[in-house]
Amino acid sequence: MVEPATTVTHPALSLRGISKSYTDRSGNVTAVLDGLDLDVEDGEFVAVLGFSGSGKTTLVSAIAGLIDVDAGQVVVNGKPSVGPGTDRGVVFQSYSLLPWLDVEGNVALAVDSVHGHKPKSERREMIDSTIELVGLSHARDRKIAQLSGGMRQRVAVARALSTKPDILLLDEPLSALDALTRAKLQDEIERIRGKEKRTILLVTNDVDEALLLADRVAILDQGPGSRIAKIFDVTIARPRDRTELNRDPDYMELRNSIVGFLDGLNADKLIVSSADGGAAPALQPVDLLPKAYREAAESSITRRYLELFNLKKVYPTPTGPLTVVEDINLLMDKGDFVSLIGHSGCGKSTVLTMAAGLNEITGGGIVLDHREIDAAGPDKAVVFQAPSLLPWLTARQNVELGVDRVYPTATKTERREVVEYYLRRVGLGDAMDKSASELSNGMQQRVGLARAFALSPKLLLLDEPFGMLDSLTRWDLQDVLVEVWNRTKVTTICVTHDVDEAILLADRVVMMTNGPNARIGKVLEIDLPRPRDRKEVLEDPRFYGYREEVLRFLADYEHGAHGEAT
């Protein structure tokens, strides 16, 4: 009797003992990956989550065959990989497109280089079908320089898909995009997954993105020498709607488990310690404004510490005046923390820069501590998305620039104590004397926060201060901000596009309608006890209710709807 042939199946991708180290100019060796194992089945979507510096991009480059590993093996469809191949398509965070070519030209370049031996008609079909798949048929003749960031990333995805790879590798392709564009591209990736059933490995720093798209979520540990620390199965039924997920108990449980696991990985490297730093130096900044100016600026409004009333901003344009925001009314008590959220272009940053005295007010006014704001000053500290440090100065010297100005009567020792206190508070006690150019993006933003708090401002204004950072680094800095704010209770407005961040930080979330003519559409009171701990907030049953209200508001305005303020 002849035994039936046994069919041997292999994972689409198998990583066995992958190790990779780098040696710097001084001969110091840093282990990035160390003995990493992972299997991805045919047609499966796996998301890899990890902190900055955990080796995510090194991992993708190794799988793509773009770098050689020191040990271990990358196996694709049962065969060891010996370099790059057409069986793997890669999309990186940076687009690397040819700007002088149009959409079709960039995709055709990839198709012709891989499938040049095929008939022209067949290659034309591959180009056309891929451009249609990513929703760019209407823009196929437009040059790359004419496209938005989201459209450029679609071209990068099309180029990778056009070669018909067995495995699509996505290395944080959406992390540089605004929240709305990112959501649309996530939907596009999900549509492609559903239509093509292609094997996909996505490297991301966004927990919600991973849960929205993936079948499994693999967590990289902190390193050095990272490996897979744990894998979570995502059993939530498809299709997954980001707003509806928020009320799904399975999603909430899984999300909290992943966040808790990541927090646990980070526990040994936590920068904030409630016992560190002691009490803040007891110095008060001087009022630098002349007496005559102070008297002229006195306001009769005393009920609120900060008031924005009938605020309006109009910009001149070649086609006529453009009203960005109008009828903005907001009252804040001293020590209030307000988050300002809305889609790109709704005027959030415009409101913030007017409050900082950096942007002329067209109509209405802003009163801070009985004084109408019409100029910038150290009583209003601003932290922008880019920290704007002087790169040739150290962290200490960057903070000293402001401290020396607002504490001119203090002794040198007292001013040094202020500088060092806030640098320690933001986790830079060991890096005070490093030049800004030597610091990572996250560390530079810590210097920006220390500089702002060290001014002892009456009003702290944060304009997406963590927007350029990966979400896991952002968690660290959110914790830093919460911890220092708990000690200072400075009146704060924070512009953000991150719903969780808005809720975690604020007493109220102020939601802006779409521009032009943007206004306050809704104000949500956040009744969560302070001081706030991320784990406790996520476990509070009210959190997901707040989250749903904000997400639903943003979804209502996603397609340009404009309603009256309520």
Protein backbone atom coordinates (compact mmCIF):
# COMPACT_ATOMS: atom_id res chain seq x y z
CA MET A 1 0.00 0.00 0.00
CA VAL A 2 1.39 3.40 -1.02
CA GLU A 3 1.30 6.00 1.72
CA PRO A 4 -0.19 9.35 0.61
CA ALA A 5 2.37 12.11 0.13
CA THR A 6 2.71 14.40 3.10
CA THR A 7 2.39 18.09 2.33
CA VAL A 8 5.01 20.10 4.17
CA THR A 9 3.95 23.64 4.96
CA HIS A 10 6.24 26.41 6.07
CA PRO A 11 5.55 29.79 7.66
CA ALA A 12 5.71 32.59 5.13
CA LEU A 13 8.42 34.12 7.31
CA SER A 14 10.53 32.45 9.97
CA LEU A 15 13.16 34.23 12.06
CA ARG A 16 15.55 32.00 13.98
CA GLY A 17 18.04 33.36 16.51
CA ILE A 18 18.48 36.72 14.78
CA SER A 19 21.32 38.74 16.35
CA LYS A 20 22.81 42.02 15.19
CA SER A 21 25.35 44.38 16.80
CA TYR A 22 26.94 47.64 15.71
CA THR A 23 30.40 49.01 16.50
CA ASP A 24 30.94 52.77 16.81
CA ARG A 25 34.10 54.70 15.93
CA SER A 26 35.49 54.21 19.42
CA GLY A 27 35.19 50.45 19.09
CA ASN A 28 32.24 50.15 21.49
CA VAL A 29 29.88 47.33 20.55
CA THR A 30 26.10 47.72 20.99
CA ALA A 31 23.89 44.64 20.70
CA VAL A 32 20.63 45.64 18.98
CA LEU A 33 19.00 42.23 18.43
CA ASP A 34 19.97 39.09 20.33
CA GLY A 35 18.48 35.69 19.55
CA LEU A 36 15.15 36.94 18.20
CA ASP A 37 12.63 34.28 17.08
CA LEU A 38 9.34 34.87 15.25
CA ASP A 39 7.10 32.98 12.79
CA VAL A 40 4.56 34.68 10.53
CA GLU A 41 2.08 32.42 8.74
CA ASP A 42 0.98 32.82 5.14
CA GLY A 43 -1.65 35.56 4.88
CA GLU A 44 -1.17 36.66 8.48
CA PHE A 45 -0.87 40.28 9.64
CA VAL A 46 1.61 40.66 12.51
CA ALA A 47 2.36 43.98 14.21
CA VAL A 48 5.65 44.46 16.08
CA LEU A 49 5.58 47.02 18.92
CA GLY A 50 8.66 48.41 20.62
CA PHE A 51 10.21 51.45 22.25
CA SER A 52 12.61 53.76 20.43
CA GLY A 53 16.01 52.10 20.18
CA SER A 54 14.62 48.56 20.59
CA GLY A 55 15.79 47.55 17.10
CA LYS A 56 12.55 47.72 15.10
CA THR A 57 14.11 49.21 11.95
CA THR A 58 17.13 46.90 12.24
CA LEU A 59 14.68 43.99 12.34
CA VAL A 60 12.87 45.11 9.18
CA SER A 61 16.14 45.74 7.36
CA ALA A 62 17.36 42.25 8.30
CA ILE A 63 14.13 40.62 7.08
CA ALA A 64 14.33 42.60 3.82
CA GLY A 65 17.92 41.43 3.31
CA LEU A 66 19.25 44.99 3.37
CA ILE A 67 21.72 44.22 6.18
CA ASP A 68 23.58 41.06 7.17
CA VAL A 69 22.86 39.57 10.58
CA ASP A 70 25.64 38.43 12.89
CA ALA A 71 23.86 35.21 13.77
CA GLY A 72 20.62 33.41 13.03
CA GLN A 73 18.62 33.01 9.85
CA VAL A 74 15.79 34.70 7.95
CA VAL A 75 13.71 32.05 6.18
CA VAL A 76 11.15 33.07 3.53
CA ASN A 77 8.68 30.42 2.35
CA GLY A 78 10.95 27.69 3.66
CA LYS A 79 14.13 29.00 1.98
CA PRO A 80 16.95 30.87 3.73
CA SER A 81 17.26 34.50 2.66
CA VAL A 82 20.60 35.55 1.17
CA GLY A 83 19.89 39.24 0.57
CA PRO A 84 17.07 41.36 -0.85
CA GLY A 85 14.52 39.69 -3.09
CA THR A 86 11.31 40.36 -4.98
CA ASP A 87 9.45 38.14 -2.51
CA ARG A 88 9.62 41.01 0.04
CA GLY A 89 8.36 44.57 -0.48
CA VAL A 90 9.33 47.31 2.00
CA VAL A 91 7.74 50.63 2.93
CA PHE A 92 9.80 52.81 5.27
CA GLN A 93 8.80 55.89 7.26
CA SER A 94 10.58 58.13 4.70
CA TYR A 95 9.13 57.86 1.22
CA SER A 96 12.36 57.80 -0.89
CA LEU A 97 10.38 58.67 -4.02
CA LEU A 98 11.74 60.39 -7.12
CA PRO A 99 10.17 63.87 -6.95
CA TRP A 100 10.66 64.69 -10.64
CA LEU A 101 8.54 61.68 -11.66
CA ASP A 102 4.76 61.47 -11.35
CA VAL A 103 2.85 58.78 -9.45
CA GLU A 104 2.75 56.44 -12.42
CA GLY A 105 6.45 56.95 -13.12
CA ASN A 106 7.48 55.99 -9.59
CA VAL A 107 5.38 52.82 -9.64
CA ALA A 108 6.48 51.94 -13.18
CA LEU A 109 10.12 52.20 -12.14
CA ALA A 110 9.61 49.40 -9.60
CA VAL A 111 7.55 47.22 -11.94
CA ASP A 112 10.00 47.54 -14.84
CA SER A 113 13.02 46.79 -12.66
CA VAL A 114 11.50 43.57 -11.29
CA HIS A 115 9.28 42.42 -14.15
CA GLY A 116 11.08 43.89 -17.15
CA HIS A 117 11.04 40.49 -18.84
CA LYS A 118 7.24 40.45 -18.99
CA PRO A 119 5.22 41.88 -21.90
CA LYS A 120 4.52 45.62 -21.79
CA SER A 121 0.77 45.02 -21.62
CA GLU A 122 1.16 42.83 -18.54
CA ARG A 123 3.39 45.41 -16.83
CA ARG A 124 0.86 48.12 -17.68
CA GLU A 125 -1.86 46.09 -15.99
CA MET A 126 0.30 45.67 -12.88
CA ILE A 127 0.91 49.44 -12.71
CA ASP A 128 -2.73 50.39 -13.29
CA SER A 129 -4.18 47.86 -10.84
CA THR A 130 -1.77 48.82 -8.07
CA ILE A 131 -2.39 52.57 -8.45
CA GLU A 132 -6.12 51.85 -8.32
CA LEU A 133 -5.67 49.61 -5.27
CA VAL A 134 -4.19 52.45 -3.19
CA GLY A 135 -6.79 54.96 -4.41
CA LEU A 136 -4.54 57.19 -6.52
CA SER A 137 -6.07 56.77 -9.99
CA HIS A 138 -7.17 60.40 -9.90
CA ALA A 139 -3.59 61.58 -9.21
CA ARG A 140 -1.53 59.25 -11.38
CA ASP A 141 -0.19 62.15 -13.49
CA ARG A 142 0.75 64.40 -10.57
CA LYS A 143 4.38 64.94 -9.61
CA ILE A 144 5.45 63.71 -6.15
CA ALA A 145 6.29 67.28 -5.10
CA GLN A 146 2.61 68.18 -5.59
CA LEU A 147 1.31 65.49 -3.23
CA SER A 148 0.53 65.61 0.47
CA GLY A 149 2.44 63.43 2.94
CA GLY A 150 -0.40 60.91 3.05
CA MET A 151 -0.58 60.63 -0.73
CA ARG A 152 3.19 60.20 -0.95
CA GLN A 153 3.02 57.32 1.48
CA ARG A 154 0.30 55.75 -0.67
CA VAL A 155 2.70 55.91 -3.61
CA ALA A 156 5.35 54.17 -1.48
CA VAL A 157 2.84 51.43 -0.62
CA ALA A 158 1.84 51.12 -4.30
CA ARG A 159 5.46 50.82 -5.35
CA ALA A 160 6.06 48.03 -2.84
CA LEU A 161 2.88 46.17 -3.83
CA SER A 162 3.40 46.56 -7.56
CA THR A 163 6.21 44.00 -7.63
CA LYS A 164 3.78 41.40 -6.23
CA PRO A 165 5.84 40.44 -3.15
CA ASP A 166 4.84 37.50 -0.98
CA ILE A 167 5.50 39.55 2.17
CA LEU A 168 4.86 43.28 2.71
CA LEU A 169 7.10 44.89 5.34
CA LEU A 170 5.88 48.20 6.78
CA ASP A 171 8.38 50.10 8.95
CA GLU A 172 6.37 52.78 10.83
CA PRO A 173 5.00 54.09 7.50
CA LEU A 174 2.39 56.34 9.13
CA SER A 175 4.22 57.73 12.16
CA ALA A 176 5.11 61.08 10.53
CA LEU A 177 1.51 61.80 9.47
CA ASP A 178 -1.17 63.78 11.29
CA ALA A 179 -3.86 61.81 13.10
CA LEU A 180 -6.58 62.17 10.44
CA THR A 181 -4.29 61.24 7.54
CA ARG A 182 -2.93 58.36 9.60
CA ALA A 183 -6.45 57.04 10.20
CA LYS A 184 -7.23 57.16 6.48
CA LEU A 185 -4.02 55.29 5.60
CA GLN A 186 -4.80 52.67 8.26
CA ASP A 187 -8.15 52.12 6.55
CA GLU A 188 -6.32 51.84 3.23
CA ILE A 189 -3.92 49.20 4.59
CA GLU A 190 -6.86 47.24 6.02
CA ARG A 191 -8.65 47.39 2.65
CA ILE A 192 -5.52 46.11 0.89
CA ARG A 193 -5.14 43.32 3.45
CA GLY A 194 -8.73 42.25 2.95
CA LYS A 195 -8.52 42.30 -0.83
CA GLU A 196 -5.08 40.78 -1.37
CA LYS A 197 -4.80 38.44 1.66
CA ARG A 198 -1.09 39.24 1.63
CA THR A 199 1.31 38.41 4.48
CA ILE A 200 2.09 41.67 6.27
CA LEU A 201 4.52 42.59 9.03
CA LEU A 202 3.98 46.07 10.45
CA VAL A 203 6.47 47.75 12.77
CA THR A 204 4.67 50.44 14.76
CA ASN A 205 4.78 52.34 18.03
CA ASP A 206 1.00 52.80 18.19
CA VAL A 207 -0.97 50.27 20.25
CA ASP A 208 -4.31 51.24 18.70
CA GLU A 209 -2.90 50.93 15.18
CA ALA A 210 -1.63 47.44 15.98
CA LEU A 211 -5.00 46.35 17.41
CA LEU A 212 -6.93 47.86 14.52
CA LEU A 213 -4.94 46.02 11.84
CA ALA A 214 -3.16 42.92 13.16
CA ASP A 215 -3.94 39.27 13.84
CA ARG A 216 -1.13 39.13 16.43
CA VAL A 217 0.92 41.76 18.25
CA ALA A 218 4.56 40.92 19.07
CA ILE A 219 6.27 43.05 21.73
CA LEU A 220 10.00 43.74 21.56
CA ASP A 221 11.71 44.10 24.92
CA GLN A 222 13.76 47.16 25.82
CA GLY A 223 17.20 45.79 25.00
CA PRO A 224 20.06 46.22 24.53
CA GLY A 225 19.93 42.98 22.62
CA SER A 226 16.17 42.94 21.98
CA ARG A 227 14.08 39.88 21.35
CA ILE A 228 10.36 39.12 21.32
CA ALA A 229 9.16 39.49 24.92
CA LYS A 230 5.55 38.41 24.40
CA ILE A 231 2.96 37.85 21.67
CA PHE A 232 -0.72 38.80 22.04
CA ASP A 233 -3.42 37.22 19.85
CA VAL A 234 -5.93 39.74 18.50
CA THR A 235 -9.17 37.77 18.25
CA ILE A 236 -11.43 40.79 17.71
CA ALA A 237 -13.72 40.18 14.73
CA ARG A 238 -13.16 42.04 11.47
CA PRO A 239 -14.04 44.54 10.14
CA ARG A 240 -12.85 46.71 13.03
CA ASP A 241 -14.20 50.22 13.39
CA ARG A 242 -11.96 52.45 15.52
CA THR A 243 -14.92 54.21 17.14
CA GLU A 244 -16.94 51.06 17.80
CA LEU A 245 -13.87 49.26 19.19
CA ASN A 246 -13.86 51.72 22.04
CA ARG A 247 -16.96 50.07 23.52
CA ASP A 248 -15.84 46.49 22.84
CA PRO A 249 -14.94 44.84 26.20
CA ASP A 250 -12.51 42.41 24.52
CA TYR A 251 -10.69 45.32 22.90
CA MET A 252 -10.52 47.24 26.18
CA GLU A 253 -9.17 44.22 28.05
CA LEU A 254 -6.56 43.45 25.39
CA ARG A 255 -5.52 47.09 25.05
CA ASN A 256 -5.07 47.44 28.80
CA SER A 257 -3.06 44.19 28.90
CA ILE A 258 -0.67 45.41 26.19
CA VAL A 259 -0.29 48.86 27.73
CA GLY A 260 0.31 47.29 31.12
CA PHE A 261 2.91 44.91 29.69
CA LEU A 262 4.73 47.79 27.96
CA ASP A 263 4.66 49.80 31.19
CA GLY A 264 6.16 46.80 32.95
CA LEU A 265 8.97 46.56 30.41
CA ASN A 266 9.66 50.23 30.98
CA ALA A 267 9.52 50.02 34.77
CA ASP A 268 13.26 49.59 35.23
CA LYS A 269 13.92 52.64 33.06
CA LEU A 270 11.28 54.97 34.43
CA ILE A 271 12.62 58.49 34.52
CA VAL A 272 10.19 59.96 37.02
CA SER A 273 10.47 59.20 40.72
CA SER A 274 8.12 60.91 43.12
CA ALA A 275 10.78 60.82 45.82
CA ASP A 276 13.47 62.48 43.68
CA GLY A 277 14.22 66.18 43.62
CA GLY A 278 12.72 67.42 46.86
CA ALA A 279 10.86 70.71 47.03
CA ALA A 280 11.18 73.29 44.26
CA PRO A 281 13.45 76.26 45.02
CA ALA A 282 11.44 79.04 46.66
CA LEU A 283 12.15 81.79 44.13
CA GLN A 284 9.63 84.07 42.44
CA PRO A 285 10.26 85.57 39.00
CA VAL A 286 10.27 89.34 38.72
CA ASP A 287 7.66 91.24 36.74
CA LEU A 288 9.70 92.62 33.87
CA LEU A 289 7.03 95.01 32.57
CA PRO A 290 7.29 98.72 33.34
CA LYS A 291 4.98 100.07 36.03
CA ALA A 292 3.11 102.35 33.59
CA TYR A 293 2.45 99.38 31.31
CA ARG A 294 1.21 97.26 34.21
CA GLU A 295 -1.21 99.97 35.32
CA ALA A 296 -2.51 100.52 31.79
CA ALA A 297 -3.05 96.80 31.31
CA GLU A 298 -5.13 96.31 34.44
CA SER A 299 -8.38 94.47 33.68
CA SER A 300 -11.67 94.65 35.53
CA ILE A 301 -12.18 90.92 34.97
CA THR A 302 -11.41 89.10 38.21
CA ARG A 303 -13.61 85.98 38.23
CA ARG A 304 -11.28 83.82 36.13
CA TYR A 305 -7.48 83.64 35.95
CA LEU A 306 -7.50 83.25 32.15
CA GLU A 307 -10.26 84.33 29.80
CA LEU A 308 -10.49 84.02 26.05
CA PHE A 309 -13.47 86.07 24.91
CA ASN A 310 -14.90 86.33 21.36
CA LEU A 311 -11.45 85.47 20.04
CA LYS A 312 -11.06 85.80 16.28
CA LYS A 313 -8.18 85.51 13.84
CA VAL A 314 -8.25 86.56 10.18
CA TYR A 315 -5.34 86.14 7.78
CA PRO A 316 -5.06 88.09 4.50
CA THR A 317 -4.77 85.85 1.41
CA PRO A 318 -4.52 86.56 -2.35
CA THR A 319 -8.19 85.61 -2.68
CA GLY A 320 -9.38 87.68 0.28
CA PRO A 321 -9.54 87.49 4.09
CA LEU A 322 -9.52 84.01 5.63
CA THR A 323 -11.15 83.63 9.05
CA VAL A 324 -9.31 80.79 10.77
CA VAL A 325 -11.08 80.88 14.14
CA GLU A 326 -13.98 82.94 15.51
CA ASP A 327 -16.15 83.25 18.62
CA ILE A 328 -13.67 81.39 20.83
CA ASN A 329 -14.81 81.75 24.44
CA LEU A 330 -13.06 79.92 27.27
CA LEU A 331 -12.75 80.59 31.01
CA MET A 332 -10.05 78.93 33.14
CA ASP A 333 -9.40 79.05 36.87
CA LYS A 334 -5.86 79.34 38.14
CA GLY A 335 -4.30 75.87 38.01
CA ASP A 336 -6.69 74.49 35.38
CA PHE A 337 -5.33 72.15 32.71
CA VAL A 338 -7.19 72.24 29.38
CA SER A 339 -6.51 70.05 26.33
CA LEU A 340 -7.36 71.51 22.93
CA ILE A 341 -8.08 68.89 20.27
CA GLY A 342 -9.30 68.84 16.67
CA HIS A 343 -8.34 67.92 13.14
CA SER A 344 -5.40 69.54 11.33
CA GLY A 345 -6.24 73.04 10.15
CA CYS A 346 -8.85 73.76 12.84
CA GLY A 347 -6.85 76.62 14.35
CA LYS A 348 -5.62 74.98 17.57
CA SER A 349 -2.10 76.35 17.20
CA THR A 350 -3.47 79.73 16.13
CA VAL A 351 -5.37 80.02 19.42
CA LEU A 352 -2.26 78.97 21.33
CA THR A 353 0.07 81.47 19.65
CA MET A 354 -2.43 84.28 20.29
CA ALA A 355 -2.51 83.28 23.97
CA ALA A 356 1.31 83.38 23.95
CA GLY A 357 1.32 86.92 22.53
CA LEU A 358 3.13 85.65 19.42
CA ASN A 359 0.23 86.17 17.02
CA GLU A 360 -1.78 89.37 16.68
CA ILE A 361 -5.43 89.07 17.73
CA THR A 362 -7.93 90.19 15.07
CA GLY A 363 -10.97 90.39 17.34
CA GLY A 364 -11.89 89.78 20.96
CA GLY A 365 -9.17 89.44 23.56
CA ILE A 366 -7.29 87.32 26.10
CA VAL A 367 -6.89 88.30 29.75
CA LEU A 368 -4.36 86.59 32.04
CA ASP A 369 -4.27 87.46 35.74
CA HIS A 370 -6.15 90.74 35.20
CA ARG A 371 -3.87 91.78 32.33
CA GLU A 372 -4.80 91.74 28.67
CA ILE A 373 -2.32 89.83 26.52
CA ASP A 374 -0.89 91.75 23.59
CA ALA A 375 2.78 90.74 23.63
CA ALA A 376 5.02 87.77 24.35
CA GLY A 377 6.79 87.53 27.71
CA PRO A 378 8.32 85.09 30.22
CA ASP A 379 5.03 84.95 32.13
CA LYS A 380 3.77 82.80 29.22
CA ALA A 381 6.04 79.79 28.60
CA VAL A 382 5.61 77.91 25.32
CA VAL A 383 6.78 74.41 24.38
CA PHE A 384 6.46 73.70 20.67
CA GLN A 385 6.64 70.39 18.79
CA ALA A 386 10.31 71.14 18.06
CA PRO A 387 12.09 72.26 21.24
CA SER A 388 14.13 75.01 19.48
CA LEU A 389 17.27 74.60 21.58
CA LEU A 390 20.61 76.21 20.82
CA PRO A 391 22.55 73.11 19.70
CA TRP A 392 25.99 74.43 20.70
CA LEU A 393 24.87 74.97 24.30
CA THR A 394 24.43 72.28 26.94
CA ALA A 395 21.09 71.31 28.43
CA ARG A 396 22.01 73.33 31.52
CA GLN A 397 22.94 76.41 29.49
CA ASN A 398 19.72 76.28 27.44
CA VAL A 399 17.66 76.40 30.64
CA GLU A 400 19.91 79.06 32.21
CA LEU A 401 19.12 81.52 29.39
CA GLY A 402 15.57 81.98 30.64
CA VAL A 403 16.32 81.56 34.34
CA ASP A 404 18.92 84.35 34.32
CA ARG A 405 16.35 86.70 32.87
CA VAL A 406 13.39 86.01 35.16
CA TYR A 407 15.43 85.72 38.39
CA PRO A 408 17.86 88.64 37.97
CA THR A 409 17.99 89.42 41.69
CA ALA A 410 18.70 85.83 42.77
CA THR A 411 22.22 84.70 43.57
CA LYS A 412 24.16 82.53 41.16
CA THR A 413 23.73 79.58 43.52
CA GLU A 414 19.95 80.08 43.71
CA ARG A 415 19.64 80.26 39.92
CA ARG A 416 21.74 77.12 39.57
CA GLU A 417 19.43 75.32 42.01
CA VAL A 418 16.40 76.24 39.88
CA VAL A 419 18.06 74.98 36.69
CA GLU A 420 19.25 71.72 38.22
CA TYR A 421 15.96 71.06 40.03
CA TYR A 422 13.88 71.09 36.83
CA LEU A 423 16.46 69.22 34.76
CA ARG A 424 16.42 66.49 37.41
CA ARG A 425 12.63 66.54 37.46
CA VAL A 426 12.48 65.78 33.71
CA GLY A 427 15.02 62.98 34.02
CA LEU A 428 18.17 64.74 32.82
CA GLY A 429 20.16 64.72 36.05
CA ASP A 430 22.97 62.81 34.34
CA ALA A 431 22.85 64.75 31.08
CA MET A 432 22.85 68.40 32.22
CA ASP A 433 26.23 69.12 30.69
CA LYS A 434 25.70 67.37 27.36
CA SER A 435 25.28 69.66 24.37
CA ALA A 436 21.80 69.77 22.86
CA SER A 437 23.16 68.30 19.62
CA GLU A 438 24.14 65.13 21.51
CA LEU A 439 20.65 64.55 22.88
CA SER A 440 17.90 62.43 21.32
CA ASN A 441 14.62 64.06 20.23
CA GLY A 442 12.96 62.90 23.44
CA MET A 443 15.77 64.26 25.61
CA GLN A 444 15.71 67.59 23.77
CA GLN A 445 12.00 67.89 24.46
CA ARG A 446 12.71 67.22 28.13
CA VAL A 447 15.05 70.23 28.10
CA GLY A 448 12.23 72.26 26.56
CA LEU A 449 9.87 71.23 29.36
CA ALA A 450 12.49 71.97 32.04
CA ARG A 451 13.10 75.39 30.52
CA ALA A 452 9.37 76.19 30.50
CA PHE A 453 8.73 75.11 34.11
CA ALA A 454 11.89 76.84 35.36
CA LEU A 455 10.44 80.21 34.30
CA SER A 456 7.63 79.78 36.87
CA PRO A 457 5.19 81.07 34.24
CA LYS A 458 1.65 82.17 34.93
CA LEU A 459 0.55 80.27 31.82
CA LEU A 460 2.11 77.18 30.25
CA LEU A 461 1.27 76.62 26.57
CA LEU A 462 2.06 73.27 24.96
CA ASP A 463 1.72 72.97 21.17
CA GLU A 464 1.75 69.22 20.43
CA PRO A 465 4.96 68.94 22.48
CA PHE A 466 5.25 65.18 21.94
CA GLY A 467 3.93 65.06 18.37
CA MET A 468 7.32 64.24 16.80
CA LEU A 469 8.01 61.37 19.20
CA ASP A 470 6.97 57.73 19.01
CA SER A 471 4.01 56.93 21.21
CA LEU A 472 6.01 54.91 23.74
CA THR A 473 8.53 57.72 24.29
CA ARG A 474 5.52 60.04 24.44
CA TRP A 475 4.18 58.03 27.40
CA ASP A 476 7.40 58.70 29.27
CA LEU A 477 7.16 62.44 28.67
CA GLN A 478 3.46 62.53 29.52
CA ASP A 479 4.39 60.99 32.87
CA VAL A 480 7.14 63.62 33.28
CA LEU A 481 4.67 66.41 32.47
CA VAL A 482 2.03 65.05 34.85
CA GLU A 483 4.55 64.65 37.68
CA VAL A 484 6.03 68.16 37.35
CA TRP A 485 2.61 69.76 36.81
CA ASN A 486 1.34 68.08 39.98
CA ARG A 487 4.02 70.02 41.89
CA THR A 488 3.56 73.38 40.17
CA LYS A 489 -0.18 73.43 39.28
CA VAL A 490 0.61 76.00 36.58
CA THR A 491 -2.39 77.02 34.44
CA THR A 492 -1.93 75.06 31.21
CA ILE A 493 -3.35 74.73 27.70
CA CYS A 494 -2.11 71.75 25.69
CA VAL A 495 -2.79 71.38 21.97
CA THR A 496 -2.79 67.71 21.00
CA HIS A 497 -4.18 65.27 18.43
CA ASP A 498 -3.83 62.31 20.81
CA VAL A 499 -7.16 61.45 22.44
CA ASP A 500 -5.64 59.44 25.30
CA GLU A 501 -3.15 62.22 26.01
CA ALA A 502 -5.92 64.82 26.08
CA ILE A 503 -7.90 62.83 28.66
CA LEU A 504 -4.92 61.77 30.79
CA LEU A 505 -3.62 65.32 31.22
CA ALA A 506 -6.63 67.60 31.37
CA ASP A 507 -9.44 68.80 33.58
CA ARG A 508 -11.38 69.62 30.40
CA VAL A 509 -11.04 68.56 26.77
CA VAL A 510 -12.01 71.40 24.43
CA MET A 511 -12.92 70.14 20.95
CA MET A 512 -12.55 72.39 17.91
CA THR A 513 -14.72 72.23 14.80
CA ASN A 514 -13.05 72.15 11.40
CA GLY A 515 -11.68 75.33 9.84
CA PRO A 516 -12.02 77.80 8.36
CA ASN A 517 -14.29 79.68 10.78
CA ALA A 518 -13.44 77.10 13.44
CA ARG A 519 -14.87 77.47 16.90
CA ILE A 520 -15.31 75.44 20.06
CA GLY A 521 -17.70 72.62 19.23
CA LYS A 522 -17.81 70.79 22.55
CA VAL A 523 -16.26 70.89 26.03
CA LEU A 524 -15.87 67.64 27.96
CA GLU A 525 -15.30 67.72 31.74
CA ILE A 526 -12.84 65.01 32.84
CA ASP A 527 -13.86 63.84 36.31
CA LEU A 528 -10.88 61.61 37.10
CA PRO A 529 -9.02 61.93 40.41
CA ARG A 530 -5.56 63.51 40.58
CA PRO A 531 -2.74 62.69 40.74
CA ARG A 532 -3.32 60.42 37.74
CA ASP A 533 -1.62 57.14 37.07
CA ARG A 534 -1.88 55.78 33.50
CA LYS A 535 -2.74 52.23 34.60
CA GLU A 536 -5.43 53.43 37.00
CA VAL A 537 -6.88 55.79 34.38
CA LEU A 538 -7.16 52.98 31.81
CA GLU A 539 -8.91 50.78 34.36
CA ASP A 540 -11.39 53.49 35.32
CA PRO A 541 -14.76 52.71 33.66
CA ARG A 542 -15.24 56.41 32.89
CA PHE A 543 -12.11 56.58 30.71
CA TYR A 544 -13.57 54.74 27.72
CA GLY A 545 -16.75 56.77 27.97
CA TYR A 546 -14.72 59.99 27.69
CA ARG A 547 -12.68 58.47 24.90
CA GLU A 548 -15.79 57.55 22.93
CA GLU A 549 -17.19 61.08 23.20
CA VAL A 550 -13.99 62.61 21.79
CA LEU A 551 -13.59 59.97 19.08
CA ARG A 552 -17.18 60.38 17.98
CA PHE A 553 -16.80 64.16 17.78
CA LEU A 554 -13.67 63.78 15.65
CA ALA A 555 -15.39 61.18 13.45
CA ASP A 556 -18.32 63.55 12.87
CA TYR A 557 -15.88 66.17 11.56
CA GLU A 558 -13.61 63.75 9.68
CA HIS A 559 -15.09 64.56 6.28
CA GLY A 560 -15.20 68.31 6.69
CA ALA A 561 -18.54 68.66 8.45
CA HIS A 562 -19.04 71.99 10.19
CA GLY A 563 -21.61 72.45 12.87
CA GLU A 564 -22.60 75.25 15.15
CA ALA A 565 -20.84 75.47 18.49
CA THR A 566 -22.75 74.13 21.42
